[in-house]
Amino acid sequence: MDCKGQIEMHNYLTSVYEESDARSTLITIVQALNHAKHGVDILSGTRVRTHFARPNWRDVFNKVAAKHPCSTVGVFYCGTPVLAKELRRLSQELSSQTSTRFQFRKEYF
């Protein structure tokens, strides 16, 4: 979150392992310890923590909607078309089911 509370970033490295996999749990523990000690992410070197493994995207969207009611939230994605389709669909669904408006944007690199 930035100083004014305008920008909030969540990074997900989804190609690692499933969320319940022991290996992703180990990576998450190492990440948490490093972030607590140094205040930076082990992967990006920034204050934004990277989440390892594939989350339940509906839960992620619902948490963001609950935290930012009556707001517009940008969803920026770079990756495979399959996940882009799912995130676009969830952006549309949750925009109609909550007071939060999700605007999906796919990045091409």
PDB file of N, CA and C in Angstrom:
ATOM      1  N   MET A   1       0.859  -1.167   0.000  1.00  0.00           N
ATOM      2  CA  MET A   1       0.000   0.000   0.000  1.00  0.00           C
ATOM      3  C   MET A   1       0.904   1.227   0.000  1.00  0.00           C
ATOM      4  N   ASP A   2       0.565   2.198  -0.823  1.00  0.00           N
ATOM      5  CA  ASP A   2       1.359   3.417  -0.864  1.00  0.00           C
ATOM      6  C   ASP A   2       0.985   4.321   0.309  1.00  0.00           C
ATOM      7  N   CYS A   3       1.679   5.433   0.446  1.00  0.00           N
ATOM      8  CA  CYS A   3       1.480   6.338   1.580  1.00  0.00           C
ATOM      9  C   CYS A   3       0.064   6.878   1.684  1.00  0.00           C
ATOM     10  N   LYS A   4      -0.579   7.127   0.562  1.00  0.00           N
ATOM     11  CA  LYS A   4      -1.920   7.704   0.562  1.00  0.00           C
ATOM     12  C   LYS A   4      -3.018   6.643   0.511  1.00  0.00           C
ATOM     13  N   GLY A   5      -2.645   5.393   0.478  1.00  0.00           N
ATOM     14  CA  GLY A   5      -3.642   4.327   0.433  1.00  0.00           C
ATOM     15  C   GLY A   5      -4.331   4.203  -0.912  1.00  0.00           C
ATOM     16  N   GLN A   6      -3.689   4.665  -1.968  1.00  0.00           N
ATOM     17  CA  GLN A   6      -4.279   4.644  -3.299  1.00  0.00           C
ATOM     18  C   GLN A   6      -3.929   3.385  -4.085  1.00  0.00           C
ATOM     19  N   ILE A   7      -2.722   2.902  -3.898  1.00  0.00           N
ATOM     20  CA  ILE A   7      -2.245   1.771  -4.693  1.00  0.00           C
ATOM     21  C   ILE A   7      -1.907   0.613  -3.760  1.00  0.00           C
ATOM     22  N   GLU A   8      -2.466  -0.526  -4.077  1.00  0.00           N
ATOM     23  CA  GLU A   8      -2.195  -1.742  -3.317  1.00  0.00           C
ATOM     24  C   GLU A   8      -1.816  -2.814  -4.325  1.00  0.00           C
ATOM     25  N   MET A   9      -0.699  -3.473  -4.094  1.00  0.00           N
ATOM     26  CA  MET A   9      -0.232  -4.479  -5.048  1.00  0.00           C
ATOM     27  C   MET A   9      -0.189  -5.850  -4.397  1.00  0.00           C
ATOM     28  N   HIS A  10      -0.575  -6.855  -5.185  1.00  0.00           N
ATOM     29  CA  HIS A  10      -0.489  -8.251  -4.770  1.00  0.00           C
ATOM     30  C   HIS A  10       0.166  -9.004  -5.919  1.00  0.00           C
ATOM     31  N   ASN A  11       1.318  -9.579  -5.674  1.00  0.00           N
ATOM     32  CA  ASN A  11       2.026 -10.348  -6.701  1.00  0.00           C
ATOM     33  C   ASN A  11       1.854 -11.834  -6.424  1.00  0.00           C
ATOM     34  N   TYR A  12       1.499 -12.577  -7.466  1.00  0.00           N
ATOM     35  CA  TYR A  12       1.327 -14.025  -7.344  1.00  0.00           C
ATOM     36  C   TYR A  12       2.202 -14.716  -8.379  1.00  0.00           C
ATOM     37  N   LEU A  13       3.075 -15.580  -7.917  1.00  0.00           N
ATOM     38  CA  LEU A  13       3.884 -16.405  -8.803  1.00  0.00           C
ATOM     39  C   LEU A  13       3.176 -17.755  -8.873  1.00  0.00           C
ATOM     40  N   THR A  14       2.288 -17.883  -9.848  1.00  0.00           N
ATOM     41  CA  THR A  14       1.371 -19.028  -9.888  1.00  0.00           C
ATOM     42  C   THR A  14       1.967 -20.272 -10.511  1.00  0.00           C
ATOM     43  N   SER A  15       3.120 -20.161 -11.129  1.00  0.00           N
ATOM     44  CA  SER A  15       3.685 -21.327 -11.811  1.00  0.00           C
ATOM     45  C   SER A  15       4.534 -22.201 -10.896  1.00  0.00           C
ATOM     46  N   VAL A  16       4.606 -21.875  -9.623  1.00  0.00           N
ATOM     47  CA  VAL A  16       5.452 -22.638  -8.712  1.00  0.00           C
ATOM     48  C   VAL A  16       4.787 -23.961  -8.353  1.00  0.00           C
ATOM     49  N   TYR A  17       3.890 -23.960  -7.395  1.00  0.00           N
ATOM     50  CA  TYR A  17       3.200 -25.167  -6.947  1.00  0.00           C
ATOM     51  C   TYR A  17       1.785 -24.794  -6.522  1.00  0.00           C
ATOM     52  N   GLU A  18       0.963 -25.798  -6.294  1.00  0.00           N
ATOM     53  CA  GLU A  18      -0.373 -25.548  -5.765  1.00  0.00           C
ATOM     54  C   GLU A  18      -0.243 -24.998  -4.344  1.00  0.00           C
ATOM     55  N   GLU A  19      -1.254 -24.262  -3.899  1.00  0.00           N
ATOM     56  CA  GLU A  19      -1.215 -23.613  -2.593  1.00  0.00           C
ATOM     57  C   GLU A  19      -1.021 -24.616  -1.449  1.00  0.00           C
ATOM     58  N   SER A  20      -1.559 -25.815  -1.564  1.00  0.00           N
ATOM     59  CA  SER A  20      -1.477 -26.798  -0.482  1.00  0.00           C
ATOM     60  C   SER A  20      -0.205 -27.649  -0.537  1.00  0.00           C
ATOM     61  N   ASP A  21       0.621 -27.461  -1.539  1.00  0.00           N
ATOM     62  CA  ASP A  21       1.844 -28.249  -1.700  1.00  0.00           C
ATOM     63  C   ASP A  21       2.875 -27.859  -0.636  1.00  0.00           C
ATOM     64  N   ALA A  22       3.549 -28.852  -0.063  1.00  0.00           N
ATOM     65  CA  ALA A  22       4.542 -28.604   0.989  1.00  0.00           C
ATOM     66  C   ALA A  22       5.669 -27.703   0.504  1.00  0.00           C
ATOM     67  N   ARG A  23       6.041 -27.819  -0.764  1.00  0.00           N
ATOM     68  CA  ARG A  23       7.126 -26.988  -1.300  1.00  0.00           C
ATOM     69  C   ARG A  23       6.736 -25.514  -1.327  1.00  0.00           C
ATOM     70  N   SER A  24       5.483 -25.217  -1.688  1.00  0.00           N
ATOM     71  CA  SER A  24       5.057 -23.816  -1.689  1.00  0.00           C
ATOM     72  C   SER A  24       4.977 -23.289  -0.260  1.00  0.00           C
ATOM     73  N   THR A  25       4.635 -24.168   0.684  1.00  0.00           N
ATOM     74  CA  THR A  25       4.607 -23.765   2.089  1.00  0.00           C
ATOM     75  C   THR A  25       6.009 -23.400   2.562  1.00  0.00           C
ATOM     76  N   LEU A  26       6.996 -24.189   2.187  1.00  0.00           N
ATOM     77  CA  LEU A  26       8.383 -23.912   2.566  1.00  0.00           C
ATOM     78  C   LEU A  26       8.858 -22.581   1.983  1.00  0.00           C
ATOM     79  N   ILE A  27       8.584 -22.355   0.711  1.00  0.00           N
ATOM     80  CA  ILE A  27       8.964 -21.092   0.070  1.00  0.00           C
ATOM     81  C   ILE A  27       8.282 -19.922   0.773  1.00  0.00           C
ATOM     82  N   THR A  28       7.014 -20.086   1.122  1.00  0.00           N
ATOM     83  CA  THR A  28       6.254 -19.033   1.797  1.00  0.00           C
ATOM     84  C   THR A  28       6.854 -18.720   3.166  1.00  0.00           C
ATOM     85  N   ILE A  29       7.283 -19.739   3.896  1.00  0.00           N
ATOM     86  CA  ILE A  29       7.895 -19.530   5.216  1.00  0.00           C
ATOM     87  C   ILE A  29       9.209 -18.764   5.085  1.00  0.00           C
ATOM     88  N   VAL A  30      10.051 -19.171   4.152  1.00  0.00           N
ATOM     89  CA  VAL A  30      11.326 -18.473   3.926  1.00  0.00           C
ATOM     90  C   VAL A  30      11.060 -17.020   3.538  1.00  0.00           C
ATOM     91  N   GLN A  31      10.079 -16.812   2.672  1.00  0.00           N
ATOM     92  CA  GLN A  31       9.707 -15.462   2.242  1.00  0.00           C
ATOM     93  C   GLN A  31       9.265 -14.622   3.440  1.00  0.00           C
ATOM     94  N   ALA A  32       8.402 -15.183   4.286  1.00  0.00           N
ATOM     95  CA  ALA A  32       7.880 -14.448   5.442  1.00  0.00           C
ATOM     96  C   ALA A  32       9.005 -14.068   6.408  1.00  0.00           C
ATOM     97  N   LEU A  33       9.922 -14.993   6.657  1.00  0.00           N
ATOM     98  CA  LEU A  33      11.049 -14.704   7.550  1.00  0.00           C
ATOM     99  C   LEU A  33      11.941 -13.603   6.986  1.00  0.00           C
ATOM    100  N   ASN A  34      12.253 -13.688   5.701  1.00  0.00           N
ATOM    101  CA  ASN A  34      13.086 -12.671   5.065  1.00  0.00           C
ATOM    102  C   ASN A  34      12.390 -11.313   5.070  1.00  0.00           C
ATOM    103  N   HIS A  35      11.095 -11.312   4.774  1.00  0.00           N
ATOM    104  CA  HIS A  35      10.349 -10.047   4.734  1.00  0.00           C
ATOM    105  C   HIS A  35      10.283  -9.426   6.125  1.00  0.00           C
ATOM    106  N   ALA A  36      10.094 -10.251   7.154  1.00  0.00           N
ATOM    107  CA  ALA A  36      10.041  -9.738   8.526  1.00  0.00           C
ATOM    108  C   ALA A  36      11.389  -9.153   8.955  1.00  0.00           C
ATOM    109  N   LYS A  37      12.465  -9.799   8.546  1.00  0.00           N
ATOM    110  CA  LYS A  37      13.800  -9.354   8.953  1.00  0.00           C
ATOM    111  C   LYS A  37      14.297  -8.158   8.151  1.00  0.00           C
ATOM    112  N   HIS A  38      14.085  -8.186   6.827  1.00  0.00           N
ATOM    113  CA  HIS A  38      14.665  -7.162   5.956  1.00  0.00           C
ATOM    114  C   HIS A  38      13.640  -6.211   5.339  1.00  0.00           C
ATOM    115  N   GLY A  39      12.356  -6.580   5.387  1.00  0.00           N
ATOM    116  CA  GLY A  39      11.314  -5.714   4.841  1.00  0.00           C
ATOM    117  C   GLY A  39      11.221  -5.717   3.328  1.00  0.00           C
ATOM    118  N   VAL A  40      11.878  -6.691   2.693  1.00  0.00           N
ATOM    119  CA  VAL A  40      11.823  -6.767   1.232  1.00  0.00           C
ATOM    120  C   VAL A  40      11.511  -8.188   0.784  1.00  0.00           C
ATOM    121  N   ASP A  41      10.973  -8.291  -0.400  1.00  0.00           N
ATOM    122  CA  ASP A  41      10.621  -9.560  -1.023  1.00  0.00           C
ATOM    123  C   ASP A  41      11.881 -10.272  -1.504  1.00  0.00           C
ATOM    124  N   ILE A  42      11.953 -11.598  -1.319  1.00  0.00           N
ATOM    125  CA  ILE A  42      13.146 -12.334  -1.753  1.00  0.00           C
ATOM    126  C   ILE A  42      13.259 -12.430  -3.268  1.00  0.00           C
ATOM    127  N   LEU A  43      12.157 -12.287  -3.970  1.00  0.00           N
ATOM    128  CA  LEU A  43      12.175 -12.416  -5.425  1.00  0.00           C
ATOM    129  C   LEU A  43      12.363 -11.072  -6.118  1.00  0.00           C
ATOM    130  N   SER A  44      11.535 -10.090  -5.741  1.00  0.00           N
ATOM    131  CA  SER A  44      11.549  -8.806  -6.452  1.00  0.00           C
ATOM    132  C   SER A  44      12.463  -7.762  -5.829  1.00  0.00           C
ATOM    133  N   GLY A  45      12.799  -7.931  -4.555  1.00  0.00           N
ATOM    134  CA  GLY A  45      13.610  -6.929  -3.877  1.00  0.00           C
ATOM    135  C   GLY A  45      12.829  -5.684  -3.498  1.00  0.00           C
ATOM    136  N   THR A  46      11.502  -5.738  -3.608  1.00  0.00           N
ATOM    137  CA  THR A  46      10.651  -4.603  -3.243  1.00  0.00           C
ATOM    138  C   THR A  46       9.905  -4.918  -1.949  1.00  0.00           C
ATOM    139  N   ARG A  47       9.145  -3.944  -1.441  1.00  0.00           N
ATOM    140  CA  ARG A  47       8.341  -4.162  -0.240  1.00  0.00           C
ATOM    141  C   ARG A  47       7.119  -5.030  -0.510  1.00  0.00           C
ATOM    142  N   VAL A  48       6.744  -5.201  -1.774  1.00  0.00           N
ATOM    143  CA  VAL A  48       5.565  -5.996  -2.135  1.00  0.00           C
ATOM    144  C   VAL A  48       5.929  -7.477  -2.080  1.00  0.00           C
ATOM    145  N   ARG A  49       5.255  -8.214  -1.177  1.00  0.00           N
ATOM    146  CA  ARG A  49       5.538  -9.645  -1.038  1.00  0.00           C
ATOM    147  C   ARG A  49       4.945 -10.427  -2.193  1.00  0.00           C
ATOM    148  N   THR A  50       5.724 -11.361  -2.696  1.00  0.00           N
ATOM    149  CA  THR A  50       5.244 -12.277  -3.726  1.00  0.00           C
ATOM    150  C   THR A  50       4.590 -13.464  -3.036  1.00  0.00           C
ATOM    151  N   HIS A  51       3.387 -13.816  -3.495  1.00  0.00           N
ATOM    152  CA  HIS A  51       2.690 -14.996  -2.995  1.00  0.00           C
ATOM    153  C   HIS A  51       3.047 -16.140  -3.931  1.00  0.00           C
ATOM    154  N   PHE A  52       3.532 -17.227  -3.368  1.00  0.00           N
ATOM    155  CA  PHE A  52       3.922 -18.383  -4.165  1.00  0.00           C
ATOM    156  C   PHE A  52       2.788 -19.393  -4.180  1.00  0.00           C
ATOM    157  N   ALA A  53       2.484 -19.917  -5.329  1.00  0.00           N
ATOM    158  CA  ALA A  53       1.447 -20.943  -5.545  1.00  0.00           C
ATOM    159  C   ALA A  53       0.189 -20.305  -6.110  1.00  0.00           C
ATOM    160  N   ARG A  54      -0.701 -21.159  -6.558  1.00  0.00           N
ATOM    161  CA  ARG A  54      -1.957 -20.707  -7.156  1.00  0.00           C
ATOM    162  C   ARG A  54      -3.011 -20.525  -6.077  1.00  0.00           C
ATOM    163  N   PRO A  55      -3.492 -19.310  -5.899  1.00  0.00           N
ATOM    164  CA  PRO A  55      -4.510 -19.084  -4.874  1.00  0.00           C
ATOM    165  C   PRO A  55      -5.904 -19.420  -5.395  1.00  0.00           C
ATOM    166  N   ASN A  56      -6.852 -19.398  -4.505  1.00  0.00           N
ATOM    167  CA  ASN A  56      -8.255 -19.468  -4.889  1.00  0.00           C
ATOM    168  C   ASN A  56      -8.617 -18.051  -5.330  1.00  0.00           C
ATOM    169  N   TRP A  57      -8.688 -17.841  -6.631  1.00  0.00           N
ATOM    170  CA  TRP A  57      -8.873 -16.489  -7.163  1.00  0.00           C
ATOM    171  C   TRP A  57     -10.173 -15.855  -6.713  1.00  0.00           C
ATOM    172  N   ARG A  58     -11.237 -16.638  -6.583  1.00  0.00           N
ATOM    173  CA  ARG A  58     -12.513 -16.081  -6.114  1.00  0.00           C
ATOM    174  C   ARG A  58     -12.342 -15.501  -4.706  1.00  0.00           C
ATOM    175  N   ASP A  59     -11.608 -16.209  -3.845  1.00  0.00           N
ATOM    176  CA  ASP A  59     -11.349 -15.698  -2.497  1.00  0.00           C
ATOM    177  C   ASP A  59     -10.548 -14.398  -2.541  1.00  0.00           C
ATOM    178  N   VAL A  60      -9.555 -14.343  -3.418  1.00  0.00           N
ATOM    179  CA  VAL A  60      -8.743 -13.128  -3.551  1.00  0.00           C
ATOM    180  C   VAL A  60      -9.628 -11.949  -3.955  1.00  0.00           C
ATOM    181  N   PHE A  61     -10.462 -12.147  -4.974  1.00  0.00           N
ATOM    182  CA  PHE A  61     -11.348 -11.076  -5.433  1.00  0.00           C
ATOM    183  C   PHE A  61     -12.325 -10.660  -4.337  1.00  0.00           C
ATOM    184  N   ASN A  62     -12.883 -11.637  -3.626  1.00  0.00           N
ATOM    185  CA  ASN A  62     -13.832 -11.317  -2.555  1.00  0.00           C
ATOM    186  C   ASN A  62     -13.179 -10.514  -1.439  1.00  0.00           C
ATOM    187  N   LYS A  63     -11.938 -10.852  -1.075  1.00  0.00           N
ATOM    188  CA  LYS A  63     -11.227 -10.102  -0.036  1.00  0.00           C
ATOM    189  C   LYS A  63     -10.955  -8.669  -0.482  1.00  0.00           C
ATOM    190  N   VAL A  64     -10.552  -8.510  -1.733  1.00  0.00           N
ATOM    191  CA  VAL A  64     -10.297  -7.161  -2.254  1.00  0.00           C
ATOM    192  C   VAL A  64     -11.599  -6.365  -2.290  1.00  0.00           C
ATOM    193  N   ALA A  65     -12.687  -6.998  -2.722  1.00  0.00           N
ATOM    194  CA  ALA A  65     -13.989  -6.319  -2.772  1.00  0.00           C
ATOM    195  C   ALA A  65     -14.437  -5.895  -1.378  1.00  0.00           C
ATOM    196  N   ALA A  66     -14.224  -6.755  -0.381  1.00  0.00           N
ATOM    197  CA  ALA A  66     -14.612  -6.425   0.992  1.00  0.00           C
ATOM    198  C   ALA A  66     -13.771  -5.279   1.546  1.00  0.00           C
ATOM    199  N   LYS A  67     -12.515  -5.232   1.146  1.00  0.00           N
ATOM    200  CA  LYS A  67     -11.608  -4.189   1.638  1.00  0.00           C
ATOM    201  C   LYS A  67     -11.824  -2.852   0.930  1.00  0.00           C
ATOM    202  N   HIS A  68     -12.329  -2.901  -0.315  1.00  0.00           N
ATOM    203  CA  HIS A  68     -12.489  -1.684  -1.113  1.00  0.00           C
ATOM    204  C   HIS A  68     -13.906  -1.582  -1.686  1.00  0.00           C
ATOM    205  N   PRO A  69     -14.926  -1.482  -0.832  1.00  0.00           N
ATOM    206  CA  PRO A  69     -16.298  -1.378  -1.351  1.00  0.00           C
ATOM    207  C   PRO A  69     -16.502  -0.055  -2.092  1.00  0.00           C
ATOM    208  N   CYS A  70     -17.367  -0.084  -3.074  1.00  0.00           N
ATOM    209  CA  CYS A  70     -17.714   1.117  -3.855  1.00  0.00           C
ATOM    210  C   CYS A  70     -16.480   1.752  -4.501  1.00  0.00           C
ATOM    211  N   SER A  71     -15.513   0.947  -4.860  1.00  0.00           N
ATOM    212  CA  SER A  71     -14.278   1.435  -5.473  1.00  0.00           C
ATOM    213  C   SER A  71     -14.066   0.765  -6.820  1.00  0.00           C
ATOM    214  N   THR A  72     -13.155   1.330  -7.596  1.00  0.00           N
ATOM    215  CA  THR A  72     -12.727   0.704  -8.839  1.00  0.00           C
ATOM    216  C   THR A  72     -11.342   0.122  -8.607  1.00  0.00           C
ATOM    217  N   VAL A  73     -11.186  -1.158  -8.947  1.00  0.00           N
ATOM    218  CA  VAL A  73      -9.932  -1.870  -8.726  1.00  0.00           C
ATOM    219  C   VAL A  73      -9.403  -2.358 -10.067  1.00  0.00           C
ATOM    220  N   GLY A  74      -8.170  -2.015 -10.378  1.00  0.00           N
ATOM    221  CA  GLY A  74      -7.538  -2.497 -11.598  1.00  0.00           C
ATOM    222  C   GLY A  74      -6.903  -3.855 -11.358  1.00  0.00           C
ATOM    223  N   VAL A  75      -7.172  -4.782 -12.255  1.00  0.00           N
ATOM    224  CA  VAL A  75      -6.579  -6.120 -12.193  1.00  0.00           C
ATOM    225  C   VAL A  75      -5.628  -6.221 -13.380  1.00  0.00           C
ATOM    226  N   PHE A  76      -4.328  -6.217 -13.113  1.00  0.00           N
ATOM    227  CA  PHE A  76      -3.324  -6.270 -14.170  1.00  0.00           C
ATOM    228  C   PHE A  76      -2.693  -7.651 -14.173  1.00  0.00           C
ATOM    229  N   TYR A  77      -2.652  -8.267 -15.342  1.00  0.00           N
ATOM    230  CA  TYR A  77      -2.185  -9.649 -15.445  1.00  0.00           C
ATOM    231  C   TYR A  77      -1.231  -9.811 -16.614  1.00  0.00           C
ATOM    232  N   CYS A  78      -0.185 -10.594 -16.389  1.00  0.00           N
ATOM    233  CA  CYS A  78       0.741 -10.966 -17.451  1.00  0.00           C
ATOM    234  C   CYS A  78       0.982 -12.458 -17.324  1.00  0.00           C
ATOM    235  N   GLY A  79       0.602 -13.214 -18.328  1.00  0.00           N
ATOM    236  CA  GLY A  79       0.788 -14.657 -18.264  1.00  0.00           C
ATOM    237  C   GLY A  79      -0.027 -15.386 -19.305  1.00  0.00           C
ATOM    238  N   THR A  80      -0.361 -16.623 -18.999  1.00  0.00           N
ATOM    239  CA  THR A  80      -1.032 -17.500 -19.959  1.00  0.00           C
ATOM    240  C   THR A  80      -2.461 -17.054 -20.255  1.00  0.00           C
ATOM    241  N   PRO A  81      -2.931 -17.314 -21.475  1.00  0.00           N
ATOM    242  CA  PRO A  81      -4.302 -16.956 -21.845  1.00  0.00           C
ATOM    243  C   PRO A  81      -5.364 -17.669 -21.011  1.00  0.00           C
ATOM    244  N   VAL A  82      -5.081 -18.882 -20.550  1.00  0.00           N
ATOM    245  CA  VAL A  82      -6.072 -19.629 -19.766  1.00  0.00           C
ATOM    246  C   VAL A  82      -6.401 -18.896 -18.471  1.00  0.00           C
ATOM    247  N   LEU A  83      -5.383 -18.468 -17.743  1.00  0.00           N
ATOM    248  CA  LEU A  83      -5.623 -17.742 -16.497  1.00  0.00           C
ATOM    249  C   LEU A  83      -6.190 -16.358 -16.780  1.00  0.00           C
ATOM    250  N   ALA A  84      -5.785 -15.743 -17.882  1.00  0.00           N
ATOM    251  CA  ALA A  84      -6.343 -14.438 -18.256  1.00  0.00           C
ATOM    252  C   ALA A  84      -7.855 -14.542 -18.413  1.00  0.00           C
ATOM    253  N   LYS A  85      -8.308 -15.612 -19.035  1.00  0.00           N
ATOM    254  CA  LYS A  85      -9.745 -15.827 -19.234  1.00  0.00           C
ATOM    255  C   LYS A  85     -10.467 -15.951 -17.890  1.00  0.00           C
ATOM    256  N   GLU A  86      -9.871 -16.702 -16.957  1.00  0.00           N
ATOM    257  CA  GLU A  86     -10.484 -16.873 -15.636  1.00  0.00           C
ATOM    258  C   GLU A  86     -10.535 -15.557 -14.866  1.00  0.00           C
ATOM    259  N   LEU A  87      -9.445 -14.797 -14.887  1.00  0.00           N
ATOM    260  CA  LEU A  87      -9.408 -13.527 -14.164  1.00  0.00           C
ATOM    261  C   LEU A  87     -10.359 -12.504 -14.775  1.00  0.00           C
ATOM    262  N   ARG A  88     -10.473 -12.504 -16.097  1.00  0.00           N
ATOM    263  CA  ARG A  88     -11.422 -11.609 -16.763  1.00  0.00           C
ATOM    264  C   ARG A  88     -12.857 -11.960 -16.344  1.00  0.00           C
ATOM    265  N   ARG A  89     -13.164 -13.262 -16.343  1.00  0.00           N
ATOM    266  CA  ARG A  89     -14.500 -13.726 -15.954  1.00  0.00           C
ATOM    267  C   ARG A  89     -14.807 -13.342 -14.500  1.00  0.00           C
ATOM    268  N   LEU A  90     -13.855 -13.561 -13.602  1.00  0.00           N
ATOM    269  CA  LEU A  90     -14.064 -13.200 -12.203  1.00  0.00           C
ATOM    270  C   LEU A  90     -14.201 -11.692 -12.027  1.00  0.00           C
ATOM    271  N   SER A  91     -13.452 -10.927 -12.792  1.00  0.00           N
ATOM    272  CA  SER A  91     -13.581  -9.466 -12.738  1.00  0.00           C
ATOM    273  C   SER A  91     -15.001  -9.048 -13.095  1.00  0.00           C
ATOM    274  N   GLN A  92     -15.543  -9.649 -14.136  1.00  0.00           N
ATOM    275  CA  GLN A  92     -16.908  -9.332 -14.559  1.00  0.00           C
ATOM    276  C   GLN A  92     -17.933  -9.807 -13.537  1.00  0.00           C
ATOM    277  N   GLU A  93     -17.783 -11.043 -13.064  1.00  0.00           N
ATOM    278  CA  GLU A  93     -18.734 -11.600 -12.095  1.00  0.00           C
ATOM    279  C   GLU A  93     -18.776 -10.798 -10.803  1.00  0.00           C
ATOM    280  N   LEU A  94     -17.606 -10.559 -10.216  1.00  0.00           N
ATOM    281  CA  LEU A  94     -17.559  -9.856  -8.938  1.00  0.00           C
ATOM    282  C   LEU A  94     -17.952  -8.393  -9.081  1.00  0.00           C
ATOM    283  N   SER A  95     -17.770  -7.819 -10.255  1.00  0.00           N
ATOM    284  CA  SER A  95     -18.230  -6.450 -10.492  1.00  0.00           C
ATOM    285  C   SER A  95     -19.749  -6.379 -10.437  1.00  0.00           C
ATOM    286  N   SER A  96     -20.415  -7.438 -10.872  1.00  0.00           N
ATOM    287  CA  SER A  96     -21.881  -7.434 -10.839  1.00  0.00           C
ATOM    288  C   SER A  96     -22.432  -7.923  -9.501  1.00  0.00           C
ATOM    289  N   GLN A  97     -21.632  -8.657  -8.726  1.00  0.00           N
ATOM    290  CA  GLN A  97     -22.101  -9.209  -7.455  1.00  0.00           C
ATOM    291  C   GLN A  97     -21.750  -8.349  -6.243  1.00  0.00           C
ATOM    292  N   THR A  98     -20.833  -7.404  -6.408  1.00  0.00           N
ATOM    293  CA  THR A  98     -20.405  -6.556  -5.287  1.00  0.00           C
ATOM    294  C   THR A  98     -20.482  -5.089  -5.710  1.00  0.00           C
ATOM    295  N   SER A  99     -20.214  -4.199  -4.770  1.00  0.00           N
ATOM    296  CA  SER A  99     -20.194  -2.769  -5.104  1.00  0.00           C
ATOM    297  C   SER A  99     -18.844  -2.348  -5.679  1.00  0.00           C
ATOM    298  N   THR A 100     -17.884  -3.253  -5.699  1.00  0.00           N
ATOM    299  CA  THR A 100     -16.553  -2.977  -6.244  1.00  0.00           C
ATOM    300  C   THR A 100     -16.547  -3.269  -7.740  1.00  0.00           C
ATOM    301  N   ARG A 101     -15.936  -2.384  -8.512  1.00  0.00           N
ATOM    302  CA  ARG A 101     -15.819  -2.575  -9.958  1.00  0.00           C
ATOM    303  C   ARG A 101     -14.393  -2.995 -10.274  1.00  0.00           C
ATOM    304  N   PHE A 102     -14.263  -4.171 -10.861  1.00  0.00           N
ATOM    305  CA  PHE A 102     -12.949  -4.685 -11.241  1.00  0.00           C
ATOM    306  C   PHE A 102     -12.735  -4.436 -12.726  1.00  0.00           C
ATOM    307  N   GLN A 103     -11.624  -3.795 -13.056  1.00  0.00           N
ATOM    308  CA  GLN A 103     -11.275  -3.545 -14.452  1.00  0.00           C
ATOM    309  C   GLN A 103     -10.068  -4.411 -14.803  1.00  0.00           C
ATOM    310  N   PHE A 104     -10.303  -5.406 -15.644  1.00  0.00           N
ATOM    311  CA  PHE A 104      -9.252  -6.349 -16.012  1.00  0.00           C
ATOM    312  C   PHE A 104      -8.416  -5.798 -17.154  1.00  0.00           C
ATOM    313  N   ARG A 105      -7.097  -5.914 -17.014  1.00  0.00           N
ATOM    314  CA  ARG A 105      -6.168  -5.497 -18.061  1.00  0.00           C
ATOM    315  C   ARG A 105      -5.113  -6.581 -18.224  1.00  0.00           C
ATOM    316  N   LYS A 106      -4.945  -7.056 -19.435  1.00  0.00           N
ATOM    317  CA  LYS A 106      -3.914  -8.057 -19.732  1.00  0.00           C
ATOM    318  C   LYS A 106      -2.709  -7.323 -20.297  1.00  0.00           C
ATOM    319  N   GLU A 107      -1.550  -7.603 -19.738  1.00  0.00           N
ATOM    320  CA  GLU A 107      -0.304  -7.004 -20.203  1.00  0.00           C
ATOM    321  C   GLU A 107       0.389  -7.979 -21.146  1.00  0.00           C
ATOM    322  N   TYR A 108       0.990  -7.455 -22.180  1.00  0.00           N
ATOM    323  CA  TYR A 108       1.725  -8.271 -23.142  1.00  0.00           C
ATOM    324  C   TYR A 108       3.185  -7.854 -23.134  1.00  0.00           C
ATOM    325  N   PHE A 109       4.079  -8.805 -22.876  1.00  0.00           N
ATOM    326  CA  PHE A 109       5.517  -8.512 -22.860  1.00  0.00           C
ATOM    327  C   PHE A 109       6.221  -9.379 -23.857  1.00  0.00           C
TER     328      PHE A 109
END
